[in-house]
Amino acid sequence: MDPHAVSRPVPLPSAPAATTRSGSPQTWPATSRELAVELQRLLAIDGRDWHAQKGHKPRRAAEQVAAALVHLLAEDSSPHRLEGDAQHRAIELLEHGLAWLKGDLRDPGCPSHGH
């Protein structure tokens, strides 16, 4: 993921299943993914607030970190192994969130408005 790219909105993986793709039982706590999705939706900057919030670094970081948690808890993300697309995406989102927190990123402005 390009750390200087402005991503919005943060994509969510598909809905969770009771078992993993291999058929083994889900090992994350029962409602953890649903709660993570709810948090991510709460923190995501929507279209109405985009211009006001786009440069707020802690808010942008929180949005990315919450999205990373959703991916980490995804169906194909095992708590026992560090592998899978969901975990790689979670790492990218965490790195992007850290870049916002550290001040390494700033909003480049809205290309359609010039600000």
Protein backbone atom coordinates (compact mmCIF):
# COMPACT_ATOMS: atom_id res chain seq x y z
CA MET A 1 0.00 0.00 0.00
CA ASP A 2 1.35 3.40 -0.95
CA PRO A 3 1.68 5.25 2.39
CA HIS A 4 1.02 8.56 0.64
CA ALA A 5 -2.18 7.44 -1.03
CA VAL A 6 -5.41 8.72 0.42
CA SER A 7 -7.78 5.83 0.85
CA ARG A 8 -11.48 6.32 1.40
CA PRO A 9 -13.64 4.64 2.31
CA VAL A 10 -11.86 1.73 3.93
CA PRO A 11 -13.11 -1.50 2.31
CA LEU A 12 -14.53 -4.17 4.57
CA PRO A 13 -14.05 -7.90 4.02
CA SER A 14 -17.11 -10.07 3.54
CA ALA A 15 -19.30 -11.12 6.48
CA PRO A 16 -17.89 -13.65 8.95
CA ALA A 17 -18.76 -17.32 9.04
CA ALA A 18 -19.09 -19.62 12.03
CA THR A 19 -16.19 -21.73 10.76
CA THR A 20 -13.06 -21.02 8.80
CA ARG A 21 -12.68 -22.06 5.16
CA SER A 22 -10.91 -25.21 6.27
CA GLY A 23 -13.97 -26.17 8.31
CA SER A 24 -12.27 -25.69 11.68
CA PRO A 25 -14.16 -23.78 14.36
CA GLN A 26 -13.70 -20.02 14.54
CA THR A 27 -11.22 -19.29 17.33
CA TRP A 28 -11.84 -15.57 17.80
CA PRO A 29 -14.36 -14.66 20.52
CA ALA A 30 -17.90 -14.96 19.17
CA THR A 31 -18.78 -11.30 18.63
CA SER A 32 -15.30 -9.83 18.20
CA ARG A 33 -15.54 -9.37 14.43
CA GLU A 34 -19.01 -7.85 14.58
CA LEU A 35 -17.82 -5.39 17.22
CA ALA A 36 -14.75 -4.54 15.15
CA VAL A 37 -16.95 -3.88 12.10
CA GLU A 38 -19.22 -1.67 14.20
CA LEU A 39 -16.22 0.30 15.48
CA GLN A 40 -14.79 0.66 11.98
CA ARG A 41 -18.11 1.97 10.66
CA LEU A 42 -18.33 4.41 13.56
CA LEU A 43 -14.82 5.75 12.91
CA ALA A 44 -14.97 5.79 9.11
CA ILE A 45 -15.18 9.29 7.69
CA ASP A 46 -18.28 9.49 5.54
CA GLY A 47 -18.91 11.77 2.59
CA ARG A 48 -20.58 14.51 4.65
CA ASP A 49 -17.61 14.80 7.02
CA TRP A 50 -14.84 14.10 4.53
CA HIS A 51 -13.73 17.68 3.89
CA ALA A 52 -13.83 18.60 7.58
CA GLN A 53 -12.05 15.44 8.82
CA LYS A 54 -9.70 14.50 5.96
CA GLY A 55 -6.69 16.24 7.51
CA HIS A 56 -7.34 15.22 11.13
CA LYS A 57 -4.43 12.86 11.64
CA PRO A 58 -5.62 11.00 14.76
CA ARG A 59 -9.03 10.45 13.17
CA ARG A 60 -7.48 9.15 9.96
CA ALA A 61 -5.19 6.87 11.97
CA ALA A 62 -8.10 5.52 14.03
CA GLU A 63 -10.06 4.83 10.85
CA GLN A 64 -7.16 2.79 9.43
CA VAL A 65 -6.43 0.93 12.68
CA ALA A 66 -10.09 -0.04 13.10
CA ALA A 67 -10.16 -1.33 9.52
CA ALA A 68 -6.99 -3.33 10.22
CA LEU A 69 -8.71 -4.97 13.18
CA VAL A 70 -11.61 -6.01 10.95
CA HIS A 71 -9.19 -7.66 8.54
CA LEU A 72 -7.22 -9.28 11.35
CA LEU A 73 -10.40 -10.88 12.67
CA ALA A 74 -11.52 -11.94 9.20
CA GLU A 75 -12.50 -15.51 8.41
CA ASP A 76 -9.24 -16.28 6.60
CA SER A 77 -7.06 -14.74 9.32
CA SER A 78 -5.98 -17.42 11.76
CA PRO A 79 -5.01 -16.40 15.30
CA HIS A 80 -2.48 -19.26 15.20
CA ARG A 81 -0.54 -18.36 12.03
CA LEU A 82 0.79 -15.20 10.44
CA GLU A 83 -0.39 -15.68 6.89
CA GLY A 84 -3.25 -14.93 4.55
CA ASP A 85 -4.44 -11.96 2.55
CA ALA A 86 -6.48 -10.57 5.43
CA GLN A 87 -3.44 -10.41 7.70
CA HIS A 88 -1.32 -8.79 4.99
CA ARG A 89 -4.04 -6.20 4.43
CA ALA A 90 -4.23 -5.62 8.21
CA ILE A 91 -0.48 -4.95 8.29
CA GLU A 92 -0.79 -2.47 5.41
CA LEU A 93 -3.62 -0.64 7.16
CA LEU A 94 -1.72 -0.55 10.47
CA GLU A 95 1.35 0.87 8.74
CA HIS A 96 -0.83 3.45 7.01
CA GLY A 97 -2.46 4.35 10.34
CA LEU A 98 0.96 4.69 12.00
CA ALA A 99 2.10 6.97 9.21
CA TRP A 100 -0.89 9.24 9.94
CA LEU A 101 -0.10 9.20 13.67
CA LYS A 102 3.57 9.97 13.11
CA GLY A 103 2.72 12.86 10.82
CA ASP A 104 4.35 11.19 7.83
CA LEU A 105 1.12 11.59 5.87
CA ARG A 106 -0.98 14.61 5.17
CA ASP A 107 -4.06 14.99 3.08
CA PRO A 108 -3.12 16.15 -0.44
CA GLY A 109 -6.47 17.86 -0.90
CA CYS A 110 -9.48 17.08 -2.99
CA PRO A 111 -8.57 16.83 -6.68
CA SER A 112 -12.08 17.81 -7.75
CA HIS A 113 -12.13 20.95 -5.57
CA GLY A 114 -8.48 21.92 -5.43
CA HIS A 115 -8.48 21.77 -1.60
